[in-house]
């Protein structure tokens, strides 16, 4: 499983129809800082997406962690904090995509996240590739009219959840002027 497959397909699923209005993309450079770099994992950056990949024999199965820009419009952070843009609204849009995907993909928002440095949503789901199902766990992170997505992917839902949680614990998201 390659980072390119995760980022291309994963971001398409996560963003298709959910954040259609395009203005600014990605948090300001340096907003996401992490000390997550497990031994044996490979770090790659391409087209603004940074990923960490672990493959056998270092890991029992393929897994990846990544983050990259998403496009948002207006003060999306304020709308999330005021619950004008809710998890229910995102899930309604995601359900249309889930039905259209005919079981090949599935995504749902699991909770709203509001901190003093950003607002966003946690999500979970899966995509199918040539080898089967890839489970995804992640978070949309929005600061005013800028956004990024942080995600993990693995062949097992529990592994995707575990690595996402580890990454989040080792990552700081700051608001830059």
N, C-alpha and C. Protein backbone atom coordinates (compact mmCIF):
# COMPACT_ATOMS: atom_id res chain seq x y z
N UNK A 1 0.85 -1.16 0.00
CA UNK A 1 0.00 0.00 0.00
C UNK A 1 0.90 1.23 0.00
N UNK A 2 0.67 2.13 -0.89
CA UNK A 2 1.53 3.28 -1.03
C UNK A 2 0.83 4.52 -0.51
N UNK A 3 1.63 5.49 -0.03
CA UNK A 3 1.08 6.74 0.45
C UNK A 3 0.23 7.39 -0.63
N UNK A 4 0.65 7.32 -1.87
CA UNK A 4 -0.08 7.93 -2.97
C UNK A 4 -1.50 7.39 -3.02
N UNK A 5 -1.66 6.07 -2.85
CA UNK A 5 -2.99 5.47 -2.88
C UNK A 5 -3.84 5.96 -1.71
N UNK A 6 -3.25 6.02 -0.50
CA UNK A 6 -3.97 6.51 0.66
C UNK A 6 -4.40 7.95 0.46
N UNK A 7 -3.46 8.80 0.07
CA UNK A 7 -3.79 10.22 0.00
C UNK A 7 -4.77 10.52 -1.12
N UNK A 8 -4.53 9.97 -2.27
CA UNK A 8 -5.39 10.26 -3.41
C UNK A 8 -6.81 9.76 -3.16
N UNK A 9 -6.95 8.50 -2.83
CA UNK A 9 -8.27 7.92 -2.63
C UNK A 9 -8.89 8.41 -1.33
N UNK A 10 -8.12 8.42 -0.27
CA UNK A 10 -8.63 8.84 1.03
C UNK A 10 -9.12 10.27 1.03
N UNK A 11 -8.35 11.17 0.49
CA UNK A 11 -8.77 12.56 0.45
C UNK A 11 -9.98 12.75 -0.46
N UNK A 12 -10.03 12.00 -1.54
CA UNK A 12 -11.18 12.11 -2.43
C UNK A 12 -12.45 11.74 -1.67
N UNK A 13 -12.40 10.66 -0.94
CA UNK A 13 -13.56 10.21 -0.18
C UNK A 13 -13.94 11.22 0.89
N UNK A 14 -12.96 11.68 1.61
CA UNK A 14 -13.21 12.56 2.73
C UNK A 14 -13.73 13.92 2.30
N UNK A 15 -13.34 14.35 1.14
CA UNK A 15 -13.67 15.71 0.75
C UNK A 15 -14.74 15.81 -0.31
N UNK A 16 -14.98 14.75 -1.03
CA UNK A 16 -15.93 14.81 -2.14
C UNK A 16 -17.31 15.21 -1.62
N UNK A 17 -17.75 16.33 -2.03
CA UNK A 17 -19.07 16.81 -1.65
C UNK A 17 -19.16 17.43 -0.28
N UNK A 18 -18.16 17.25 0.56
CA UNK A 18 -18.23 17.78 1.91
C UNK A 18 -17.72 19.21 2.01
N UNK A 19 -16.68 19.52 1.29
CA UNK A 19 -16.10 20.86 1.36
C UNK A 19 -15.96 21.40 -0.06
N UNK A 20 -17.06 21.59 -0.73
CA UNK A 20 -17.03 21.94 -2.15
C UNK A 20 -16.59 23.36 -2.42
N UNK A 21 -16.87 24.30 -1.53
CA UNK A 21 -16.49 25.69 -1.78
C UNK A 21 -15.00 25.85 -1.63
N UNK A 22 -14.34 26.42 -2.63
CA UNK A 22 -12.89 26.50 -2.63
C UNK A 22 -12.41 27.93 -2.50
N UNK A 23 -11.59 28.19 -1.52
CA UNK A 23 -10.89 29.46 -1.41
C UNK A 23 -9.47 29.19 -0.94
N UNK A 24 -9.31 28.98 0.35
CA UNK A 24 -8.00 28.80 0.92
C UNK A 24 -7.83 27.34 1.31
N UNK A 25 -6.60 26.80 1.16
CA UNK A 25 -6.41 25.42 1.56
C UNK A 25 -5.22 25.30 2.49
N UNK A 26 -5.35 24.40 3.43
CA UNK A 26 -4.27 24.08 4.35
C UNK A 26 -4.08 25.10 5.45
N UNK A 27 -3.74 24.61 6.63
CA UNK A 27 -3.37 25.51 7.72
C UNK A 27 -2.07 26.18 7.35
N UNK A 28 -1.76 27.27 8.02
CA UNK A 28 -0.50 27.97 7.74
C UNK A 28 0.67 27.03 8.02
N UNK A 29 1.72 27.11 7.19
CA UNK A 29 2.89 26.25 7.41
C UNK A 29 3.42 26.38 8.84
N UNK A 30 3.65 25.24 9.48
CA UNK A 30 4.15 25.23 10.85
C UNK A 30 3.05 25.10 11.90
N UNK A 31 1.78 25.15 11.49
CA UNK A 31 0.68 25.04 12.44
C UNK A 31 0.59 23.64 13.04
N UNK A 32 0.88 22.63 12.23
CA UNK A 32 0.85 21.25 12.70
C UNK A 32 2.29 20.80 12.94
N UNK A 33 2.60 20.54 14.19
CA UNK A 33 3.94 20.08 14.54
C UNK A 33 3.83 18.75 15.27
N UNK A 34 4.63 17.80 14.82
CA UNK A 34 4.57 16.47 15.44
C UNK A 34 5.96 15.93 15.71
N UNK A 35 6.06 15.14 16.75
CA UNK A 35 7.30 14.40 17.00
C UNK A 35 7.05 12.92 16.77
N UNK A 36 6.05 12.64 15.93
CA UNK A 36 5.69 11.27 15.61
C UNK A 36 6.59 10.78 14.49
N UNK A 37 7.46 9.88 14.81
CA UNK A 37 8.35 9.29 13.81
C UNK A 37 8.83 7.94 14.32
N UNK A 38 7.96 6.95 14.33
CA UNK A 38 8.36 5.64 14.84
C UNK A 38 9.52 5.05 14.04
N UNK A 39 10.32 4.29 14.72
CA UNK A 39 11.45 3.63 14.09
C UNK A 39 10.96 2.70 12.98
N UNK A 40 11.59 2.79 11.82
CA UNK A 40 11.25 1.91 10.71
C UNK A 40 10.20 2.46 9.78
N UNK A 41 9.55 3.57 10.15
CA UNK A 41 8.55 4.19 9.29
C UNK A 41 9.24 5.14 8.32
N UNK A 42 8.68 5.28 7.13
CA UNK A 42 9.23 6.16 6.11
C UNK A 42 8.37 7.41 6.02
N UNK A 43 9.01 8.58 6.05
CA UNK A 43 8.28 9.85 5.92
C UNK A 43 8.37 10.31 4.47
N UNK A 44 7.22 10.70 3.90
CA UNK A 44 7.19 11.22 2.53
C UNK A 44 6.30 12.44 2.48
N UNK A 45 6.68 13.42 1.65
CA UNK A 45 5.87 14.60 1.43
C UNK A 45 5.72 14.81 -0.07
N UNK A 46 4.47 15.00 -0.50
CA UNK A 46 4.22 15.24 -1.91
C UNK A 46 2.94 16.05 -2.05
N UNK A 47 3.00 17.10 -2.86
CA UNK A 47 1.85 17.96 -3.12
C UNK A 47 1.18 18.46 -1.84
N UNK A 48 1.97 18.80 -0.85
CA UNK A 48 1.44 19.34 0.40
C UNK A 48 0.96 18.30 1.39
N UNK A 49 0.98 17.03 1.01
CA UNK A 49 0.55 15.95 1.91
C UNK A 49 1.79 15.30 2.49
N UNK A 50 1.84 15.22 3.81
CA UNK A 50 2.96 14.56 4.49
C UNK A 50 2.45 13.26 5.07
N UNK A 51 3.19 12.19 4.85
CA UNK A 51 2.75 10.90 5.34
C UNK A 51 3.88 10.08 5.93
N UNK A 52 3.51 9.19 6.81
CA UNK A 52 4.41 8.22 7.41
C UNK A 52 3.87 6.85 7.03
N UNK A 53 4.71 6.01 6.47
CA UNK A 53 4.29 4.70 5.98
C UNK A 53 5.10 3.62 6.68
N UNK A 54 4.42 2.54 7.06
CA UNK A 54 5.09 1.39 7.63
C UNK A 54 4.59 0.14 6.91
N UNK A 55 5.53 -0.64 6.43
CA UNK A 55 5.19 -1.86 5.69
C UNK A 55 5.95 -3.04 6.30
N UNK A 56 5.48 -4.26 6.02
CA UNK A 56 6.21 -5.44 6.48
C UNK A 56 7.64 -5.43 5.95
N UNK A 57 8.58 -5.92 6.66
CA UNK A 57 8.47 -6.66 7.91
C UNK A 57 8.49 -5.76 9.15
N UNK A 58 8.68 -4.45 9.03
CA UNK A 58 8.71 -3.58 10.20
C UNK A 58 7.37 -3.63 10.93
N UNK A 59 6.28 -3.51 10.20
CA UNK A 59 4.93 -3.64 10.75
C UNK A 59 4.31 -4.94 10.24
N UNK A 60 3.38 -5.49 10.99
CA UNK A 60 2.75 -6.75 10.58
C UNK A 60 1.97 -6.60 9.28
N UNK A 61 1.42 -5.41 9.07
CA UNK A 61 0.67 -5.13 7.83
C UNK A 61 0.87 -3.66 7.47
N UNK A 62 0.48 -3.31 6.25
CA UNK A 62 0.62 -1.93 5.80
C UNK A 62 -0.20 -0.99 6.68
N UNK A 63 0.37 0.18 6.96
CA UNK A 63 -0.35 1.23 7.68
C UNK A 63 0.28 2.57 7.34
N UNK A 64 -0.50 3.62 7.46
CA UNK A 64 0.00 4.95 7.13
C UNK A 64 -0.70 6.00 7.99
N UNK A 65 0.01 7.09 8.22
CA UNK A 65 -0.51 8.27 8.90
C UNK A 65 -0.19 9.44 7.97
N UNK A 66 -1.09 10.41 7.87
CA UNK A 66 -0.80 11.54 7.02
C UNK A 66 -1.61 12.76 7.35
N UNK A 67 -1.19 13.88 6.78
CA UNK A 67 -1.99 15.10 6.88
C UNK A 67 -1.74 15.94 5.64
N UNK A 68 -2.77 16.69 5.28
CA UNK A 68 -2.67 17.52 4.10
C UNK A 68 -3.77 18.56 4.07
N UNK A 69 -3.72 19.45 3.10
CA UNK A 69 -4.67 20.56 3.05
C UNK A 69 -6.06 20.15 2.57
N UNK A 70 -7.06 20.86 3.06
CA UNK A 70 -8.41 20.79 2.52
C UNK A 70 -8.85 22.22 2.23
N UNK A 71 -9.77 22.38 1.31
CA UNK A 71 -10.24 23.71 0.94
C UNK A 71 -11.53 24.03 1.69
N UNK A 72 -11.54 25.21 2.29
CA UNK A 72 -12.74 25.70 2.97
C UNK A 72 -12.99 27.15 2.57
N UNK A 73 -14.19 27.62 2.83
CA UNK A 73 -14.58 28.97 2.45
C UNK A 73 -15.23 29.67 3.62
N UNK A 74 -15.00 30.94 3.77
CA UNK A 74 -15.60 31.70 4.87
C UNK A 74 -14.98 31.33 6.19
N UNK A 75 -15.57 31.77 7.28
CA UNK A 75 -15.05 31.44 8.61
C UNK A 75 -15.68 30.12 9.05
N UNK A 76 -15.18 29.05 8.48
CA UNK A 76 -15.68 27.70 8.72
C UNK A 76 -15.51 27.32 10.19
N UNK A 77 -14.44 27.76 10.81
CA UNK A 77 -14.19 27.45 12.22
C UNK A 77 -15.32 27.99 13.09
N UNK A 78 -15.70 29.24 12.88
CA UNK A 78 -16.78 29.86 13.65
C UNK A 78 -18.08 29.08 13.46
N UNK A 79 -18.37 28.68 12.23
CA UNK A 79 -19.59 27.95 11.93
C UNK A 79 -19.63 26.60 12.66
N UNK A 80 -18.47 25.93 12.76
CA UNK A 80 -18.39 24.66 13.49
C UNK A 80 -18.57 24.91 14.99
N UNK A 81 -17.87 25.93 15.51
CA UNK A 81 -17.96 26.22 16.95
C UNK A 81 -19.38 26.59 17.36
N UNK A 82 -20.10 27.29 16.50
CA UNK A 82 -21.48 27.67 16.81
C UNK A 82 -22.47 26.57 16.43
N UNK A 83 -21.97 25.45 15.93
CA UNK A 83 -22.76 24.28 15.53
C UNK A 83 -23.72 24.59 14.38
N UNK A 84 -23.41 25.64 13.60
CA UNK A 84 -24.19 25.92 12.38
C UNK A 84 -23.84 24.88 11.32
N UNK A 85 -22.61 24.41 11.33
CA UNK A 85 -22.18 23.28 10.50
C UNK A 85 -21.95 22.15 11.49
N UNK A 86 -22.80 21.16 11.44
CA UNK A 86 -22.80 20.12 12.47
C UNK A 86 -22.37 18.78 11.90
N UNK A 87 -22.11 17.86 12.81
CA UNK A 87 -21.78 16.48 12.41
C UNK A 87 -22.96 15.87 11.65
N UNK A 88 -24.17 16.18 12.06
CA UNK A 88 -25.36 15.65 11.39
C UNK A 88 -25.43 16.12 9.94
N UNK A 89 -25.12 17.41 9.71
CA UNK A 89 -25.13 17.95 8.35
C UNK A 89 -24.08 17.24 7.49
N UNK A 90 -22.86 17.10 8.02
CA UNK A 90 -21.81 16.40 7.28
C UNK A 90 -22.22 14.97 6.98
N UNK A 91 -22.82 14.28 7.96
CA UNK A 91 -23.22 12.89 7.75
C UNK A 91 -24.33 12.77 6.71
N UNK A 92 -25.22 13.75 6.65
CA UNK A 92 -26.27 13.72 5.63
C UNK A 92 -25.66 13.78 4.24
N UNK A 93 -24.66 14.65 4.06
CA UNK A 93 -23.98 14.75 2.77
C UNK A 93 -23.16 13.49 2.51
N UNK A 94 -22.47 13.00 3.53
CA UNK A 94 -21.66 11.79 3.38
C UNK A 94 -22.52 10.59 3.01
N UNK A 95 -23.73 10.51 3.54
CA UNK A 95 -24.61 9.38 3.24
C UNK A 95 -24.98 9.33 1.76
N UNK A 96 -25.15 10.49 1.14
CA UNK A 96 -25.42 10.52 -0.30
C UNK A 96 -24.23 9.91 -1.04
N UNK A 97 -23.03 10.29 -0.66
CA UNK A 97 -21.83 9.74 -1.29
C UNK A 97 -21.69 8.25 -0.99
N UNK A 98 -21.96 7.86 0.26
CA UNK A 98 -21.85 6.45 0.64
C UNK A 98 -22.77 5.58 -0.22
N UNK A 99 -23.99 6.03 -0.45
CA UNK A 99 -24.94 5.28 -1.28
C UNK A 99 -24.43 5.21 -2.72
N UNK A 100 -23.96 6.34 -3.24
CA UNK A 100 -23.47 6.38 -4.63
C UNK A 100 -22.25 5.49 -4.82
N UNK A 101 -21.45 5.30 -3.77
CA UNK A 101 -20.23 4.50 -3.86
C UNK A 101 -20.52 3.00 -3.88
N UNK A 102 -21.75 2.60 -3.63
CA UNK A 102 -22.18 1.21 -3.71
C UNK A 102 -21.32 0.25 -2.89
N UNK A 103 -21.00 0.66 -1.67
CA UNK A 103 -20.26 -0.21 -0.77
C UNK A 103 -18.75 -0.18 -0.92
N UNK A 104 -18.24 0.54 -1.91
CA UNK A 104 -16.79 0.61 -2.10
C UNK A 104 -16.12 1.53 -1.09
N UNK A 105 -16.87 2.49 -0.59
CA UNK A 105 -16.35 3.42 0.41
C UNK A 105 -17.45 3.71 1.43
N UNK A 106 -17.03 4.16 2.58
CA UNK A 106 -17.97 4.57 3.62
C UNK A 106 -17.25 5.57 4.50
N UNK A 107 -17.95 6.64 4.85
CA UNK A 107 -17.37 7.65 5.73
C UNK A 107 -18.46 8.23 6.59
N UNK A 108 -18.14 8.49 7.86
CA UNK A 108 -19.08 9.16 8.73
C UNK A 108 -18.33 10.01 9.75
N UNK A 109 -18.96 11.09 10.13
CA UNK A 109 -18.41 11.96 11.16
C UNK A 109 -18.79 11.34 12.50
N UNK A 110 -17.80 11.20 13.39
CA UNK A 110 -18.07 10.55 14.67
C UNK A 110 -18.24 11.55 15.81
N UNK A 111 -17.62 12.74 15.69
CA UNK A 111 -17.82 13.75 16.73
C UNK A 111 -17.27 15.10 16.29
N UNK A 112 -17.79 16.14 16.90
CA UNK A 112 -17.31 17.51 16.69
C UNK A 112 -16.18 17.75 17.68
N UNK A 113 -15.12 18.43 17.23
CA UNK A 113 -13.97 18.74 18.08
C UNK A 113 -13.81 20.26 18.10
N UNK A 114 -13.83 20.84 19.30
CA UNK A 114 -13.65 22.28 19.44
C UNK A 114 -12.59 22.53 20.50
N UNK A 115 -11.51 23.21 20.11
CA UNK A 115 -10.45 23.59 21.05
C UNK A 115 -10.23 25.09 20.93
N UNK A 116 -9.30 25.62 21.73
CA UNK A 116 -9.01 27.05 21.62
C UNK A 116 -8.15 27.38 20.40
N UNK A 117 -7.59 26.37 19.72
CA UNK A 117 -6.75 26.64 18.54
C UNK A 117 -7.39 26.20 17.23
N UNK A 118 -8.45 25.43 17.27
CA UNK A 118 -9.12 25.00 16.04
C UNK A 118 -10.47 24.37 16.35
N UNK A 119 -11.23 24.14 15.30
CA UNK A 119 -12.48 23.37 15.39
C UNK A 119 -12.44 22.35 14.26
N UNK A 120 -13.24 21.32 14.38
CA UNK A 120 -13.27 20.32 13.32
C UNK A 120 -14.15 19.15 13.67
N UNK A 121 -13.94 18.07 12.94
CA UNK A 121 -14.71 16.85 13.14
C UNK A 121 -13.79 15.64 13.05
N UNK A 122 -14.06 14.64 13.90
CA UNK A 122 -13.42 13.34 13.74
C UNK A 122 -14.28 12.51 12.80
N UNK A 123 -13.64 11.64 12.03
CA UNK A 123 -14.37 10.80 11.10
C UNK A 123 -13.77 9.41 11.10
N UNK A 124 -14.55 8.46 10.59
CA UNK A 124 -14.04 7.11 10.38
C UNK A 124 -14.71 6.55 9.13
N UNK A 125 -14.11 5.54 8.57
CA UNK A 125 -14.68 4.94 7.38
C UNK A 125 -13.71 3.97 6.74
N UNK A 126 -13.99 3.63 5.49
CA UNK A 126 -13.11 2.72 4.77
C UNK A 126 -13.18 3.00 3.28
N UNK A 127 -12.17 2.51 2.59
CA UNK A 127 -12.13 2.51 1.14
C UNK A 127 -11.70 1.11 0.71
N UNK A 128 -11.98 0.75 -0.50
CA UNK A 128 -11.52 -0.52 -1.05
C UNK A 128 -10.41 -0.24 -2.04
N UNK A 129 -9.35 -1.04 -1.97
CA UNK A 129 -8.32 -1.00 -3.00
C UNK A 129 -8.18 -2.41 -3.56
N UNK A 130 -7.14 -2.66 -4.33
CA UNK A 130 -6.96 -3.97 -4.96
C UNK A 130 -6.84 -5.11 -3.96
N UNK A 131 -6.34 -4.83 -2.76
CA UNK A 131 -6.13 -5.87 -1.76
C UNK A 131 -7.26 -6.00 -0.76
N UNK A 132 -8.28 -5.16 -0.86
CA UNK A 132 -9.39 -5.24 0.08
C UNK A 132 -9.67 -3.92 0.75
N UNK A 133 -10.20 -3.99 1.96
CA UNK A 133 -10.64 -2.81 2.69
C UNK A 133 -9.48 -2.14 3.42
N UNK A 134 -9.44 -0.80 3.33
CA UNK A 134 -8.50 0.02 4.10
C UNK A 134 -9.34 0.89 5.02
N UNK A 135 -9.15 0.72 6.32
CA UNK A 135 -9.89 1.50 7.32
C UNK A 135 -9.20 2.83 7.52
N UNK A 136 -9.99 3.88 7.65
CA UNK A 136 -9.49 5.23 7.87
C UNK A 136 -10.06 5.80 9.15
N UNK A 137 -9.24 6.55 9.86
CA UNK A 137 -9.67 7.30 11.04
C UNK A 137 -8.98 8.64 10.92
N UNK A 138 -9.69 9.72 11.20
CA UNK A 138 -9.05 11.01 11.03
C UNK A 138 -9.80 12.17 11.64
N UNK A 139 -9.26 13.36 11.35
CA UNK A 139 -9.83 14.60 11.87
C UNK A 139 -9.67 15.71 10.86
N UNK A 140 -10.77 16.43 10.62
CA UNK A 140 -10.70 17.69 9.88
C UNK A 140 -10.33 18.76 10.89
N UNK A 141 -9.35 19.59 10.57
CA UNK A 141 -8.89 20.65 11.45
C UNK A 141 -9.07 21.97 10.71
N UNK A 142 -9.83 22.91 11.31
CA UNK A 142 -10.14 24.16 10.64
C UNK A 142 -9.77 25.33 11.53
N UNK A 143 -9.06 26.30 10.95
CA UNK A 143 -8.75 27.57 11.60
C UNK A 143 -9.23 28.67 10.67
N UNK A 144 -10.30 29.34 11.07
CA UNK A 144 -10.95 30.38 10.26
C UNK A 144 -11.27 29.82 8.88
N UNK A 145 -10.60 30.31 7.82
CA UNK A 145 -10.90 29.84 6.46
C UNK A 145 -9.81 28.92 5.91
N UNK A 146 -9.08 28.25 6.79
CA UNK A 146 -8.03 27.32 6.39
C UNK A 146 -8.30 25.97 7.03
N UNK A 147 -7.97 24.91 6.30
CA UNK A 147 -8.23 23.59 6.85
C UNK A 147 -7.20 22.55 6.43
N UNK A 148 -7.09 21.54 7.25
CA UNK A 148 -6.24 20.38 6.96
C UNK A 148 -6.98 19.14 7.45
N UNK A 149 -6.55 18.00 6.93
CA UNK A 149 -7.08 16.73 7.39
C UNK A 149 -5.91 15.89 7.88
N UNK A 150 -6.11 15.25 9.03
CA UNK A 150 -5.13 14.32 9.60
C UNK A 150 -5.80 12.96 9.56
N UNK A 151 -5.11 11.94 9.06
CA UNK A 151 -5.76 10.64 8.94
C UNK A 151 -4.77 9.50 9.12
N UNK A 152 -5.30 8.34 9.48
CA UNK A 152 -4.51 7.11 9.51
C UNK A 152 -5.27 6.08 8.69
N UNK A 153 -4.55 5.12 8.18
CA UNK A 153 -5.16 4.06 7.41
C UNK A 153 -4.45 2.75 7.66
N UNK A 154 -5.22 1.68 7.72
CA UNK A 154 -4.67 0.35 7.95
C UNK A 154 -5.68 -0.69 7.50
N UNK A 155 -5.23 -1.94 7.37
CA UNK A 155 -6.13 -3.03 6.98
C UNK A 155 -7.08 -3.42 8.10
N UNK A 156 -6.82 -2.95 9.30
CA UNK A 156 -7.65 -3.24 10.47
C UNK A 156 -8.19 -1.93 11.03
N UNK A 157 -9.48 -1.93 11.39
CA UNK A 157 -10.08 -0.73 11.98
C UNK A 157 -9.38 -0.37 13.28
N UNK A 158 -9.10 -1.35 14.13
CA UNK A 158 -8.49 -1.06 15.43
C UNK A 158 -7.07 -0.52 15.25
N UNK A 159 -6.33 -1.03 14.27
CA UNK A 159 -4.98 -0.51 14.02
C UNK A 159 -5.05 0.93 13.53
N UNK A 160 -5.97 1.24 12.63
CA UNK A 160 -6.13 2.62 12.15
C UNK A 160 -6.47 3.55 13.31
N UNK A 161 -7.37 3.13 14.20
CA UNK A 161 -7.74 3.94 15.36
C UNK A 161 -6.56 4.13 16.30
N UNK A 162 -5.82 3.06 16.56
CA UNK A 162 -4.67 3.12 17.47
C UNK A 162 -3.62 4.09 16.96
N UNK A 163 -3.26 3.99 15.69
CA UNK A 163 -2.21 4.86 15.16
C UNK A 163 -2.67 6.31 15.03
N UNK A 164 -3.95 6.53 14.72
CA UNK A 164 -4.46 7.89 14.70
C UNK A 164 -4.34 8.50 16.10
N UNK A 165 -4.77 7.77 17.12
CA UNK A 165 -4.71 8.28 18.49
C UNK A 165 -3.27 8.54 18.92
N UNK A 166 -2.35 7.67 18.56
CA UNK A 166 -0.93 7.90 18.88
C UNK A 166 -0.41 9.15 18.20
N UNK A 167 -0.77 9.34 16.94
CA UNK A 167 -0.32 10.51 16.20
C UNK A 167 -0.86 11.80 16.83
N UNK A 168 -2.14 11.80 17.14
CA UNK A 168 -2.75 12.99 17.75
C UNK A 168 -2.10 13.32 19.09
N UNK A 169 -1.79 12.30 19.90
CA UNK A 169 -1.13 12.53 21.21
C UNK A 169 0.25 13.14 21.04
N UNK A 170 0.90 12.90 19.92
CA UNK A 170 2.26 13.39 19.68
C UNK A 170 2.29 14.60 18.75
N UNK A 171 1.16 15.25 18.58
CA UNK A 171 1.06 16.37 17.63
C UNK A 171 0.47 17.58 18.31
N UNK A 172 1.02 18.74 17.99
CA UNK A 172 0.52 20.01 18.48
C UNK A 172 -0.02 20.80 17.29
N UNK A 173 -1.20 21.35 17.47
CA UNK A 173 -1.79 22.20 16.43
C UNK A 173 -1.88 23.60 17.01
N UNK A 174 -1.10 24.52 16.42
CA UNK A 174 -1.03 25.89 16.91
C UNK A 174 -1.73 26.83 15.94
N UNK A 175 -2.17 27.96 16.48
CA UNK A 175 -2.73 29.01 15.63
C UNK A 175 -1.62 30.03 15.41
N UNK A 176 -1.26 30.21 14.15
CA UNK A 176 -0.21 31.16 13.80
C UNK A 176 -0.82 32.46 13.29
N UNK A 177 -0.15 33.59 13.55
CA UNK A 177 -0.69 34.89 13.10
C UNK A 177 -0.67 35.01 11.58
